[in-house]
């Protein structure tokens, strides 16, 4: 920071004191250099600094006043507006002072991960771009990336019991517990579209091989468990299936201070499950479930709900780190 203070001191005089236009240009250039220097210094020193809230009510850190680009710009102004003076004063009083003057400075925007495909709102091929972006992020969300705030969504857990699925071909009632799904990264995306005026993103996905695992209990229908304990069987269910899914995501634009951010409000998924290969393992025996049984129809609402909740939470956790213009710039 010594270099920044020396350079800052060298240009404190108003620009009107410079003798000619060449010197004015040199001062402008020097000012730009110092601004960049301050931004780099800020990005390197925000960690470990005391947290604060900026006058615009956004998260910030306490740094030397001349190391914050927005405050530095005000300090360099020969004429300050009333609003600028109030901003400067509010930024300074937000931080404890000891020695050099400190100000509350907004944290620099976090850089987007390199694998995120950024789509521009005015791009005539934006729907194709969104397809590519969804595909890349879907793979990352399946495996997770803690360094960039991408929460791992696989395996997906069904949070409650699935009770009373009647299997007519076996004349048994199936109860499921601790149901998990994997294979989420193996999918194709198509027909993606952004409906900007409705703040909605829609796309189709085809999952080639989803895997399911669960603890199960089988009972004969109409039997009282205590009297007919021998008719109750426990075991596991494992298998895989392919599925088509239609996704509809709605979002809204929220503000933190003067900065816009994106937030998903709902995720709706409609699954069409087919080509299943589900097996029950009960008492050291393997039983294949008939596709004529209605277990898929009974499972589908739970699958849709679990997938939607998991993706909604993970997506919002990720995008909350970045501004709206970072994620979906206008041009």
C-alpha atoms as a PDB file:
ATOM      1  CA  UNK A   1       0.000   0.000   0.000  1.00  0.00           C
ATOM      2  CA  UNK A   2       3.038   2.382   0.312  1.00  0.00           C
ATOM      3  CA  UNK A   3       3.240   2.574  -3.480  1.00  0.00           C
ATOM      4  CA  UNK A   4      -0.473   3.390  -3.730  1.00  0.00           C
ATOM      5  CA  UNK A   5      -0.140   6.175  -1.141  1.00  0.00           C
ATOM      6  CA  UNK A   6       2.871   7.721  -2.905  1.00  0.00           C
ATOM      7  CA  UNK A   7       1.104   7.653  -6.262  1.00  0.00           C
ATOM      8  CA  UNK A   8      -2.072   8.993  -4.675  1.00  0.00           C
ATOM      9  CA  UNK A   9      -0.179  11.941  -3.176  1.00  0.00           C
ATOM     10  CA  UNK A  10       1.420  12.765  -6.514  1.00  0.00           C
ATOM     11  CA  UNK A  11      -1.926  13.542  -8.201  1.00  0.00           C
ATOM     12  CA  UNK A  12      -3.888  15.201  -5.407  1.00  0.00           C
ATOM     13  CA  UNK A  13      -3.868  18.583  -7.111  1.00  0.00           C
ATOM     14  CA  UNK A  14      -6.929  19.286  -9.275  1.00  0.00           C
ATOM     15  CA  UNK A  15      -6.537  18.636 -12.965  1.00  0.00           C
ATOM     16  CA  UNK A  16      -6.960  22.355 -13.686  1.00  0.00           C
ATOM     17  CA  UNK A  17      -3.456  22.908 -12.324  1.00  0.00           C
ATOM     18  CA  UNK A  18      -1.852  20.932 -15.123  1.00  0.00           C
ATOM     19  CA  UNK A  19      -0.234  23.083 -17.751  1.00  0.00           C
ATOM     20  CA  UNK A  20      -1.566  21.452 -20.908  1.00  0.00           C
ATOM     21  CA  UNK A  21      -3.678  18.640 -22.343  1.00  0.00           C
ATOM     22  CA  UNK A  22      -0.742  16.255 -22.516  1.00  0.00           C
ATOM     23  CA  UNK A  23      -0.228  16.488 -18.803  1.00  0.00           C
ATOM     24  CA  UNK A  24      -3.977  16.024 -18.279  1.00  0.00           C
ATOM     25  CA  UNK A  25      -3.888  12.827 -20.326  1.00  0.00           C
ATOM     26  CA  UNK A  26      -0.913  11.647 -18.289  1.00  0.00           C
ATOM     27  CA  UNK A  27      -2.849  12.302 -15.091  1.00  0.00           C
ATOM     28  CA  UNK A  28      -5.862  10.388 -16.416  1.00  0.00           C
ATOM     29  CA  UNK A  29      -3.612   7.495 -17.332  1.00  0.00           C
ATOM     30  CA  UNK A  30      -1.936   7.578 -13.919  1.00  0.00           C
ATOM     31  CA  UNK A  31      -5.338   7.634 -12.245  1.00  0.00           C
ATOM     32  CA  UNK A  32      -6.403   4.561 -14.235  1.00  0.00           C
ATOM     33  CA  UNK A  33      -3.193   2.773 -13.252  1.00  0.00           C
ATOM     34  CA  UNK A  34      -3.783   3.483  -9.579  1.00  0.00           C
ATOM     35  CA  UNK A  35      -7.414   2.359  -9.834  1.00  0.00           C
ATOM     36  CA  UNK A  36      -6.336  -0.954 -11.327  1.00  0.00           C
ATOM     37  CA  UNK A  37      -3.632  -1.246  -8.680  1.00  0.00           C
ATOM     38  CA  UNK A  38      -6.202  -0.668  -5.939  1.00  0.00           C
ATOM     39  CA  UNK A  39      -8.589  -3.230  -7.417  1.00  0.00           C
ATOM     40  CA  UNK A  40      -5.827  -5.836  -7.561  1.00  0.00           C
ATOM     41  CA  UNK A  41      -4.739  -4.989  -4.024  1.00  0.00           C
ATOM     42  CA  UNK A  42      -8.337  -5.242  -2.791  1.00  0.00           C
ATOM     43  CA  UNK A  43      -8.876  -8.621  -4.444  1.00  0.00           C
ATOM     44  CA  UNK A  44      -5.718  -9.927  -2.783  1.00  0.00           C
ATOM     45  CA  UNK A  45      -6.488  -8.605   0.701  1.00  0.00           C
ATOM     46  CA  UNK A  46     -10.246  -9.086   1.247  1.00  0.00           C
ATOM     47  CA  UNK A  47      -9.687 -12.419   2.929  1.00  0.00           C
ATOM     48  CA  UNK A  48      -9.002 -12.019   6.613  1.00  0.00           C
ATOM     49  CA  UNK A  49     -10.341  -8.421   6.658  1.00  0.00           C
ATOM     50  CA  UNK A  50     -13.145  -7.395   8.978  1.00  0.00           C
ATOM     51  CA  UNK A  51     -16.600  -7.818   7.453  1.00  0.00           C
ATOM     52  CA  UNK A  52     -18.917  -4.813   7.174  1.00  0.00           C
ATOM     53  CA  UNK A  53     -22.040  -3.612   5.389  1.00  0.00           C
ATOM     54  CA  UNK A  54     -21.665  -0.921   2.740  1.00  0.00           C
ATOM     55  CA  UNK A  55     -23.940   2.158   2.600  1.00  0.00           C
ATOM     56  CA  UNK A  56     -25.818   0.411  -0.245  1.00  0.00           C
ATOM     57  CA  UNK A  57     -26.504  -2.508   2.136  1.00  0.00           C
ATOM     58  CA  UNK A  58     -24.243  -5.047   0.420  1.00  0.00           C
ATOM     59  CA  UNK A  59     -21.583  -7.258   2.060  1.00  0.00           C
ATOM     60  CA  UNK A  60     -18.188  -5.590   2.251  1.00  0.00           C
ATOM     61  CA  UNK A  61     -14.780  -5.627   3.918  1.00  0.00           C
ATOM     62  CA  UNK A  62     -12.862  -2.918   5.758  1.00  0.00           C
ATOM     63  CA  UNK A  63      -9.789  -1.880   3.757  1.00  0.00           C
ATOM     64  CA  UNK A  64      -7.599   1.204   3.467  1.00  0.00           C
ATOM     65  CA  UNK A  65      -9.749   3.942   1.967  1.00  0.00           C
ATOM     66  CA  UNK A  66      -7.416   4.488  -0.986  1.00  0.00           C
ATOM     67  CA  UNK A  67      -7.446   0.758  -1.778  1.00  0.00           C
ATOM     68  CA  UNK A  68     -11.165   0.727  -2.571  1.00  0.00           C
ATOM     69  CA  UNK A  69     -11.900   1.703  -6.216  1.00  0.00           C
ATOM     70  CA  UNK A  70     -15.260   3.400  -5.510  1.00  0.00           C
ATOM     71  CA  UNK A  71     -13.890   5.389  -2.553  1.00  0.00           C
ATOM     72  CA  UNK A  72     -10.687   6.183  -4.418  1.00  0.00           C
ATOM     73  CA  UNK A  73     -12.725   7.691  -7.263  1.00  0.00           C
ATOM     74  CA  UNK A  74     -14.419  10.069  -4.803  1.00  0.00           C
ATOM     75  CA  UNK A  75     -11.105  10.985  -3.175  1.00  0.00           C
ATOM     76  CA  UNK A  76      -9.713  11.919  -6.589  1.00  0.00           C
ATOM     77  CA  UNK A  77     -12.622  14.207  -7.456  1.00  0.00           C
ATOM     78  CA  UNK A  78     -11.844  17.903  -7.229  1.00  0.00           C
ATOM     79  CA  UNK A  79     -15.566  18.580  -6.823  1.00  0.00           C
ATOM     80  CA  UNK A  80     -17.761  16.193  -4.830  1.00  0.00           C
ATOM     81  CA  UNK A  81     -21.514  15.969  -4.858  1.00  0.00           C
ATOM     82  CA  UNK A  82     -23.476  15.835  -1.654  1.00  0.00           C
ATOM     83  CA  UNK A  83     -24.267  12.170  -2.268  1.00  0.00           C
ATOM     84  CA  UNK A  84     -20.576  11.360  -2.796  1.00  0.00           C
ATOM     85  CA  UNK A  85     -19.634  13.100   0.438  1.00  0.00           C
ATOM     86  CA  UNK A  86     -22.315  11.160   2.334  1.00  0.00           C
ATOM     87  CA  UNK A  87     -21.154   7.890   0.741  1.00  0.00           C
ATOM     88  CA  UNK A  88     -17.562   8.616   1.737  1.00  0.00           C
ATOM     89  CA  UNK A  89     -18.523   9.455   5.320  1.00  0.00           C
ATOM     90  CA  UNK A  90     -20.841   6.432   5.678  1.00  0.00           C
ATOM     91  CA  UNK A  91     -18.200   4.085   4.289  1.00  0.00           C
ATOM     92  CA  UNK A  92     -15.621   5.325   6.780  1.00  0.00           C
ATOM     93  CA  UNK A  93     -17.846   5.226   9.888  1.00  0.00           C
ATOM     94  CA  UNK A  94     -18.788   1.618   9.046  1.00  0.00           C
ATOM     95  CA  UNK A  95     -15.268   0.476   9.964  1.00  0.00           C
ATOM     96  CA  UNK A  96     -13.243   0.701  13.173  1.00  0.00           C
ATOM     97  CA  UNK A  97     -10.433   3.243  12.771  1.00  0.00           C
ATOM     98  CA  UNK A  98      -6.888   2.838  14.028  1.00  0.00           C
ATOM     99  CA  UNK A  99      -4.056   4.566  12.231  1.00  0.00           C
ATOM    100  CA  UNK A 100      -4.688   4.733   8.481  1.00  0.00           C
ATOM    101  CA  UNK A 101      -8.255   5.553   7.418  1.00  0.00           C
ATOM    102  CA  UNK A 102     -10.340   2.532   6.503  1.00  0.00           C
ATOM    103  CA  UNK A 103     -13.576   2.329   4.540  1.00  0.00           C
ATOM    104  CA  UNK A 104     -16.183  -0.337   3.969  1.00  0.00           C
ATOM    105  CA  UNK A 105     -15.650  -1.522   0.408  1.00  0.00           C
ATOM    106  CA  UNK A 106     -17.897  -3.852  -1.555  1.00  0.00           C
ATOM    107  CA  UNK A 107     -16.304  -7.220  -2.203  1.00  0.00           C
ATOM    108  CA  UNK A 108     -15.101  -7.658  -5.791  1.00  0.00           C
ATOM    109  CA  UNK A 109     -17.337  -9.914  -7.875  1.00  0.00           C
ATOM    110  CA  UNK A 110     -16.323 -13.521  -7.792  1.00  0.00           C
ATOM    111  CA  UNK A 111     -15.021 -14.891 -11.084  1.00  0.00           C
ATOM    112  CA  UNK A 112     -17.214 -17.394 -12.887  1.00  0.00           C
ATOM    113  CA  UNK A 113     -15.889 -20.964 -13.105  1.00  0.00           C
ATOM    114  CA  UNK A 114     -14.257 -21.675 -16.480  1.00  0.00           C
ATOM    115  CA  UNK A 115     -16.681 -24.448 -17.406  1.00  0.00           C
ATOM    116  CA  UNK A 116     -19.792 -22.258 -17.085  1.00  0.00           C
ATOM    117  CA  UNK A 117     -21.117 -21.337 -20.523  1.00  0.00           C
ATOM    118  CA  UNK A 118     -22.261 -17.698 -20.285  1.00  0.00           C
ATOM    119  CA  UNK A 119     -25.176 -16.770 -22.565  1.00  0.00           C
ATOM    120  CA  UNK A 120     -25.993 -13.215 -23.620  1.00  0.00           C
ATOM    121  CA  UNK A 121     -29.577 -12.017 -23.531  1.00  0.00           C
ATOM    122  CA  UNK A 122     -29.383 -10.404 -26.985  1.00  0.00           C
ATOM    123  CA  UNK A 123     -27.733 -13.445 -28.638  1.00  0.00           C
ATOM    124  CA  UNK A 124     -30.001 -14.725 -31.452  1.00  0.00           C
ATOM    125  CA  UNK A 125     -28.686 -18.231 -30.669  1.00  0.00           C
ATOM    126  CA  UNK A 126     -29.300 -17.949 -26.933  1.00  0.00           C
ATOM    127  CA  UNK A 127     -31.438 -21.090 -26.733  1.00  0.00           C
ATOM    128  CA  UNK A 128     -28.621 -23.216 -28.142  1.00  0.00           C
ATOM    129  CA  UNK A 129     -26.213 -21.544 -25.753  1.00  0.00           C
ATOM    130  CA  UNK A 130     -28.501 -22.346 -22.816  1.00  0.00           C
ATOM    131  CA  UNK A 131     -28.590 -26.000 -23.872  1.00  0.00           C
ATOM    132  CA  UNK A 132     -24.804 -26.142 -23.691  1.00  0.00           C
ATOM    133  CA  UNK A 133     -24.747 -24.301 -20.368  1.00  0.00           C
ATOM    134  CA  UNK A 134     -27.315 -26.645 -18.785  1.00  0.00           C
ATOM    135  CA  UNK A 135     -25.435 -29.705 -19.985  1.00  0.00           C
ATOM    136  CA  UNK A 136     -22.115 -28.523 -18.546  1.00  0.00           C
ATOM    137  CA  UNK A 137     -23.598 -27.426 -15.216  1.00  0.00           C
ATOM    138  CA  UNK A 138     -25.640 -30.628 -14.916  1.00  0.00           C
ATOM    139  CA  UNK A 139     -22.481 -32.714 -15.077  1.00  0.00           C
ATOM    140  CA  UNK A 140     -20.742 -30.472 -12.520  1.00  0.00           C
ATOM    141  CA  UNK A 141     -23.714 -30.558 -10.157  1.00  0.00           C
ATOM    142  CA  UNK A 142     -23.736 -34.345 -10.245  1.00  0.00           C
ATOM    143  CA  UNK A 143     -20.135 -34.568  -9.006  1.00  0.00           C
ATOM    144  CA  UNK A 144     -19.908 -31.212  -7.175  1.00  0.00           C
ATOM    145  CA  UNK A 145     -17.244 -28.500  -7.146  1.00  0.00           C
ATOM    146  CA  UNK A 146     -16.791 -27.049  -3.659  1.00  0.00           C
ATOM    147  CA  UNK A 147     -14.141 -24.549  -4.832  1.00  0.00           C
ATOM    148  CA  UNK A 148     -16.756 -22.795  -6.965  1.00  0.00           C
ATOM    149  CA  UNK A 149     -19.779 -23.318  -4.738  1.00  0.00           C
ATOM    150  CA  UNK A 150     -21.327 -26.105  -6.815  1.00  0.00           C
ATOM    151  CA  UNK A 151     -23.178 -28.431  -4.474  1.00  0.00           C
ATOM    152  CA  UNK A 152     -23.085 -32.151  -5.281  1.00  0.00           C
ATOM    153  CA  UNK A 153     -26.628 -33.367  -5.990  1.00  0.00           C
ATOM    154  CA  UNK A 154     -25.838 -37.047  -6.494  1.00  0.00           C
ATOM    155  CA  UNK A 155     -27.120 -39.238  -4.994  1.00  0.00           C
ATOM    156  CA  UNK A 156     -30.591 -37.765  -4.658  1.00  0.00           C
ATOM    157  CA  UNK A 157     -32.436 -38.968  -1.567  1.00  0.00           C
ATOM    158  CA  UNK A 158     -36.183 -39.295  -1.190  1.00  0.00           C
ATOM    159  CA  UNK A 159     -36.761 -37.734   2.197  1.00  0.00           C
ATOM    160  CA  UNK A 160     -39.693 -39.874   3.358  1.00  0.00           C
ATOM    161  CA  UNK A 161     -41.101 -43.371   3.113  1.00  0.00           C
ATOM    162  CA  UNK A 162     -42.887 -44.512  -0.009  1.00  0.00           C
ATOM    163  CA  UNK A 163     -45.800 -46.510   1.329  1.00  0.00           C
ATOM    164  CA  UNK A 164     -48.226 -49.023  -0.033  1.00  0.00           C
ATOM    165  CA  UNK A 165     -47.391 -49.658  -3.703  1.00  0.00           C
ATOM    166  CA  UNK A 166     -49.554 -52.577  -4.776  1.00  0.00           C
ATOM    167  CA  UNK A 167     -47.885 -55.044  -7.174  1.00  0.00           C
ATOM    168  CA  UNK A 168     -50.763 -56.892  -8.874  1.00  0.00           C
ATOM    169  CA  UNK A 169     -48.546 -59.419 -10.675  1.00  0.00           C
ATOM    170  CA  UNK A 170     -47.008 -60.486  -7.358  1.00  0.00           C
ATOM    171  CA  UNK A 171     -50.111 -59.743  -5.243  1.00  0.00           C
ATOM    172  CA  UNK A 172     -47.909 -57.953  -2.729  1.00  0.00           C
ATOM    173  CA  UNK A 173     -47.739 -54.458  -1.228  1.00  0.00           C
ATOM    174  CA  UNK A 174     -44.338 -52.763  -1.539  1.00  0.00           C
ATOM    175  CA  UNK A 175     -42.992 -50.326   1.083  1.00  0.00           C
ATOM    176  CA  UNK A 176     -39.754 -48.433   0.340  1.00  0.00           C
ATOM    177  CA  UNK A 177     -37.285 -46.625   2.604  1.00  0.00           C
ATOM    178  CA  UNK A 178     -33.969 -44.783   2.057  1.00  0.00           C
ATOM    179  CA  UNK A 179     -34.526 -44.467  -1.679  1.00  0.00           C
ATOM    180  CA  UNK A 180     -31.544 -43.043  -3.612  1.00  0.00           C
ATOM    181  CA  UNK A 181     -31.016 -42.152  -7.265  1.00  0.00           C
ATOM    182  CA  UNK A 182     -27.718 -41.899  -9.160  1.00  0.00           C
ATOM    183  CA  UNK A 183     -26.660 -41.557 -12.807  1.00  0.00           C
ATOM    184  CA  UNK A 184     -27.682 -37.895 -13.061  1.00  0.00           C
ATOM    185  CA  UNK A 185     -24.690 -36.811 -15.161  1.00  0.00           C
ATOM    186  CA  UNK A 186     -25.476 -39.208 -18.008  1.00  0.00           C
ATOM    187  CA  UNK A 187     -28.098 -37.237 -19.894  1.00  0.00           C
ATOM    188  CA  UNK A 188     -28.842 -35.242 -23.030  1.00  0.00           C
ATOM    189  CA  UNK A 189     -30.455 -31.796 -23.226  1.00  0.00           C
ATOM    190  CA  UNK A 190     -32.711 -30.570 -26.029  1.00  0.00           C
ATOM    191  CA  UNK A 191     -35.338 -27.955 -26.858  1.00  0.00           C
ATOM    192  CA  UNK A 192     -34.016 -25.398 -24.361  1.00  0.00           C
ATOM    193  CA  UNK A 193     -35.583 -21.955 -24.465  1.00  0.00           C
ATOM    194  CA  UNK A 194     -35.477 -18.774 -22.447  1.00  0.00           C
ATOM    195  CA  UNK A 195     -38.790 -16.958 -22.145  1.00  0.00           C
ATOM    196  CA  UNK A 196     -37.497 -13.652 -20.869  1.00  0.00           C
ATOM    197  CA  UNK A 197     -40.797 -11.806 -20.445  1.00  0.00           C
ATOM    198  CA  UNK A 198     -42.050 -14.644 -18.227  1.00  0.00           C
ATOM    199  CA  UNK A 199     -38.678 -15.137 -16.495  1.00  0.00           C
ATOM    200  CA  UNK A 200     -38.786 -18.800 -17.350  1.00  0.00           C
ATOM    201  CA  UNK A 201     -36.292 -21.396 -18.636  1.00  0.00           C
ATOM    202  CA  UNK A 202     -37.598 -24.645 -20.132  1.00  0.00           C
ATOM    203  CA  UNK A 203     -35.791 -27.667 -21.527  1.00  0.00           C
ATOM    204  CA  UNK A 204     -36.117 -31.405 -22.158  1.00  0.00           C
ATOM    205  CA  UNK A 205     -33.698 -34.001 -20.817  1.00  0.00           C
ATOM    206  CA  UNK A 206     -33.159 -37.668 -21.547  1.00  0.00           C
ATOM    207  CA  UNK A 207     -31.532 -39.728 -18.803  1.00  0.00           C
ATOM    208  CA  UNK A 208     -29.954 -42.811 -20.308  1.00  0.00           C
ATOM    209  CA  UNK A 209     -29.429 -44.826 -17.152  1.00  0.00           C
ATOM    210  CA  UNK A 210     -30.744 -43.733 -13.783  1.00  0.00           C
ATOM    211  CA  UNK A 211     -30.046 -46.123 -10.919  1.00  0.00           C
ATOM    212  CA  UNK A 212     -32.299 -46.685  -7.947  1.00  0.00           C
ATOM    213  CA  UNK A 213     -31.530 -48.345  -4.614  1.00  0.00           C
ATOM    214  CA  UNK A 214     -33.825 -48.814  -1.653  1.00  0.00           C
ATOM    215  CA  UNK A 215     -34.613 -50.883   1.395  1.00  0.00           C
ATOM    216  CA  UNK A 216     -37.987 -52.572   0.999  1.00  0.00           C
ATOM    217  CA  UNK A 217     -40.680 -54.460   2.845  1.00  0.00           C
ATOM    218  CA  UNK A 218     -43.216 -56.717   1.121  1.00  0.00           C
ATOM    219  CA  UNK A 219     -46.533 -57.720   2.617  1.00  0.00           C
ATOM    220  CA  UNK A 220     -49.575 -59.596   1.459  1.00  0.00           C
ATOM    221  CA  UNK A 221     -52.500 -57.194   1.132  1.00  0.00           C
ATOM    222  CA  UNK A 222     -55.181 -57.415   3.816  1.00  0.00           C
ATOM    223  CA  UNK A 223     -52.979 -59.359   6.252  1.00  0.00           C
ATOM    224  CA  UNK A 224     -52.498 -58.243   9.854  1.00  0.00           C
ATOM    225  CA  UNK A 225     -48.803 -58.058  10.491  1.00  0.00           C
ATOM    226  CA  UNK A 226     -48.826 -59.516  13.982  1.00  0.00           C
ATOM    227  CA  UNK A 227     -50.915 -62.534  12.981  1.00  0.00           C
ATOM    228  CA  UNK A 228     -49.175 -63.245   9.705  1.00  0.00           C
ATOM    229  CA  UNK A 229     -45.578 -62.356  10.365  1.00  0.00           C
ATOM    230  CA  UNK A 230     -44.494 -65.037   7.900  1.00  0.00           C
ATOM    231  CA  UNK A 231     -46.130 -63.113   5.054  1.00  0.00           C
ATOM    232  CA  UNK A 232     -43.888 -60.034   5.603  1.00  0.00           C
ATOM    233  CA  UNK A 233     -40.564 -60.016   3.729  1.00  0.00           C
ATOM    234  CA  UNK A 234     -37.680 -57.512   3.830  1.00  0.00           C
ATOM    235  CA  UNK A 235     -34.835 -56.949   1.418  1.00  0.00           C
ATOM    236  CA  UNK A 236     -33.453 -54.548  -1.179  1.00  0.00           C
ATOM    237  CA  UNK A 237     -34.481 -53.153  -4.513  1.00  0.00           C
ATOM    238  CA  UNK A 238     -31.909 -52.174  -7.148  1.00  0.00           C
ATOM    239  CA  UNK A 239     -32.145 -51.446 -10.823  1.00  0.00           C
ATOM    240  CA  UNK A 240     -31.907 -48.899 -13.578  1.00  0.00           C
ATOM    241  CA  UNK A 241     -34.198 -47.229 -16.033  1.00  0.00           C
ATOM    242  CA  UNK A 242     -34.207 -44.543 -18.713  1.00  0.00           C
ATOM    243  CA  UNK A 243     -36.459 -41.534 -18.589  1.00  0.00           C
ATOM    244  CA  UNK A 244     -37.510 -38.422 -20.447  1.00  0.00           C
ATOM    245  CA  UNK A 245     -38.000 -35.316 -18.346  1.00  0.00           C
ATOM    246  CA  UNK A 246     -39.430 -31.867 -18.985  1.00  0.00           C
ATOM    247  CA  UNK A 247     -37.957 -29.090 -16.820  1.00  0.00           C
ATOM    248  CA  UNK A 248     -39.545 -25.706 -16.157  1.00  0.00           C
ATOM    249  CA  UNK A 249     -37.587 -23.208 -14.045  1.00  0.00           C
ATOM    250  CA  UNK A 250     -38.964 -19.832 -13.027  1.00  0.00           C
ATOM    251  CA  UNK A 251     -36.777 -17.074 -11.636  1.00  0.00           C
ATOM    252  CA  UNK A 252     -36.902 -13.513 -10.369  1.00  0.00           C
ATOM    253  CA  UNK A 253     -34.468 -10.611 -10.203  1.00  0.00           C
ATOM    254  CA  UNK A 254     -33.649  -9.411  -6.702  1.00  0.00           C
ATOM    255  CA  UNK A 255     -31.501  -6.517  -5.532  1.00  0.00           C
ATOM    256  CA  UNK A 256     -28.793  -6.411  -2.915  1.00  0.00           C
ATOM    257  CA  UNK A 257     -28.083  -2.751  -2.592  1.00  0.00           C
ATOM    258  CA  UNK A 258     -27.845  -1.450  -6.170  1.00  0.00           C
ATOM    259  CA  UNK A 259     -26.747  -4.792  -7.661  1.00  0.00           C
ATOM    260  CA  UNK A 260     -29.125  -7.214  -9.370  1.00  0.00           C
ATOM    261  CA  UNK A 261     -29.021 -10.934  -8.679  1.00  0.00           C
ATOM    262  CA  UNK A 262     -30.945 -13.895 -10.056  1.00  0.00           C
ATOM    263  CA  UNK A 263     -32.927 -16.320  -7.899  1.00  0.00           C
ATOM    264  CA  UNK A 264     -34.881 -19.409  -8.973  1.00  0.00           C
ATOM    265  CA  UNK A 265     -38.342 -19.540  -7.429  1.00  0.00           C
ATOM    266  CA  UNK A 266     -39.623 -22.904  -8.673  1.00  0.00           C
ATOM    267  CA  UNK A 267     -38.391 -26.007 -10.457  1.00  0.00           C
ATOM    268  CA  UNK A 268     -41.007 -28.319 -11.932  1.00  0.00           C
ATOM    269  CA  UNK A 269     -40.143 -31.671 -13.503  1.00  0.00           C
ATOM    270  CA  UNK A 270     -42.362 -34.123 -15.356  1.00  0.00           C
ATOM    271  CA  UNK A 271     -40.829 -37.592 -15.744  1.00  0.00           C
ATOM    272  CA  UNK A 272     -41.770 -40.234 -18.298  1.00  0.00           C
ATOM    273  CA  UNK A 273     -40.012 -43.392 -17.064  1.00  0.00           C
ATOM    274  CA  UNK A 274     -39.584 -46.370 -19.356  1.00  0.00           C
ATOM    275  CA  UNK A 275     -37.332 -49.335 -20.145  1.00  0.00           C
ATOM    276  CA  UNK A 276     -36.919 -50.236 -16.515  1.00  0.00           C
ATOM    277  CA  UNK A 277     -34.930 -53.146 -15.158  1.00  0.00           C
ATOM    278  CA  UNK A 278     -35.816 -53.354 -11.456  1.00  0.00           C
ATOM    279  CA  UNK A 279     -35.010 -56.333  -9.273  1.00  0.00           C
ATOM    280  CA  UNK A 280     -35.978 -57.244  -5.730  1.00  0.00           C
ATOM    281  CA  UNK A 281     -33.593 -59.151  -3.509  1.00  0.00           C
ATOM    282  CA  UNK A 282     -35.528 -60.920  -0.768  1.00  0.00           C
ATOM    283  CA  UNK A 283     -34.342 -63.868   1.329  1.00  0.00           C
ATOM    284  CA  UNK A 284     -31.356 -64.515  -0.988  1.00  0.00           C
ATOM    285  CA  UNK A 285     -33.701 -64.644  -3.972  1.00  0.00           C
ATOM    286  CA  UNK A 286     -33.848 -62.343  -6.986  1.00  0.00           C
ATOM    287  CA  UNK A 287     -37.221 -61.266  -8.323  1.00  0.00           C
ATOM    288  CA  UNK A 288     -37.711 -59.063 -11.382  1.00  0.00           C
ATOM    289  CA  UNK A 289     -40.597 -56.638 -11.158  1.00  0.00           C
ATOM    290  CA  UNK A 290     -42.996 -56.842 -14.063  1.00  0.00           C
ATOM    291  CA  UNK A 291     -43.384 -53.675 -16.132  1.00  0.00           C
ATOM    292  CA  UNK A 292     -47.109 -54.315 -15.942  1.00  0.00           C
ATOM    293  CA  UNK A 293     -46.982 -53.501 -12.238  1.00  0.00           C
ATOM    294  CA  UNK A 294     -47.840 -49.928 -11.329  1.00  0.00           C
ATOM    295  CA  UNK A 295     -44.791 -49.253  -9.171  1.00  0.00           C
ATOM    296  CA  UNK A 296     -43.375 -46.798 -11.729  1.00  0.00           C
ATOM    297  CA  UNK A 297     -46.545 -44.704 -11.681  1.00  0.00           C
ATOM    298  CA  UNK A 298     -46.457 -44.713  -7.877  1.00  0.00           C
ATOM    299  CA  UNK A 299     -42.759 -43.787  -7.762  1.00  0.00           C
ATOM    300  CA  UNK A 300     -42.890 -40.984 -10.329  1.00  0.00           C
ATOM    301  CA  UNK A 301     -44.390 -38.214  -8.122  1.00  0.00           C
ATOM    302  CA  UNK A 302     -41.770 -38.860  -5.438  1.00  0.00           C
ATOM    303  CA  UNK A 303     -38.978 -38.849  -8.008  1.00  0.00           C
ATOM    304  CA  UNK A 304     -40.207 -35.567  -9.505  1.00  0.00           C
ATOM    305  CA  UNK A 305     -40.513 -33.898  -6.099  1.00  0.00           C
ATOM    306  CA  UNK A 306     -37.092 -35.042  -4.898  1.00  0.00           C
ATOM    307  CA  UNK A 307     -35.309 -34.024  -8.098  1.00  0.00           C
ATOM    308  CA  UNK A 308     -37.027 -30.613  -8.168  1.00  0.00           C
ATOM    309  CA  UNK A 309     -36.205 -29.738  -4.542  1.00  0.00           C
ATOM    310  CA  UNK A 310     -32.609 -30.895  -4.865  1.00  0.00           C
ATOM    311  CA  UNK A 311     -31.942 -28.948  -8.068  1.00  0.00           C
ATOM    312  CA  UNK A 312     -33.696 -25.808  -6.800  1.00  0.00           C
ATOM    313  CA  UNK A 313     -31.576 -25.641  -3.653  1.00  0.00           C
ATOM    314  CA  UNK A 314     -28.309 -26.461  -5.434  1.00  0.00           C
ATOM    315  CA  UNK A 315     -28.939 -24.006  -8.284  1.00  0.00           C
ATOM    316  CA  UNK A 316     -29.751 -21.111  -5.942  1.00  0.00           C
ATOM    317  CA  UNK A 317     -26.733 -21.832  -3.772  1.00  0.00           C
ATOM    318  CA  UNK A 318     -24.544 -21.543  -6.863  1.00  0.00           C
ATOM    319  CA  UNK A 319     -26.037 -18.487  -8.591  1.00  0.00           C
ATOM    320  CA  UNK A 320     -26.275 -16.472  -5.355  1.00  0.00           C
ATOM    321  CA  UNK A 321     -22.503 -15.905  -5.647  1.00  0.00           C
ATOM    322  CA  UNK A 322     -22.740 -14.019  -8.955  1.00  0.00           C
ATOM    323  CA  UNK A 323     -24.571 -10.980 -10.258  1.00  0.00           C
ATOM    324  CA  UNK A 324     -27.343 -11.171 -12.826  1.00  0.00           C
ATOM    325  CA  UNK A 325     -25.149  -9.460 -15.412  1.00  0.00           C
ATOM    326  CA  UNK A 326     -22.399 -11.985 -14.815  1.00  0.00           C
ATOM    327  CA  UNK A 327     -24.707 -14.952 -15.341  1.00  0.00           C
ATOM    328  CA  UNK A 328     -26.865 -13.538 -18.125  1.00  0.00           C
ATOM    329  CA  UNK A 329     -25.273 -10.374 -19.555  1.00  0.00           C
ATOM    330  CA  UNK A 330     -27.236  -8.262 -21.995  1.00  0.00           C
ATOM    331  CA  UNK A 331     -24.471  -8.201 -24.588  1.00  0.00           C
END
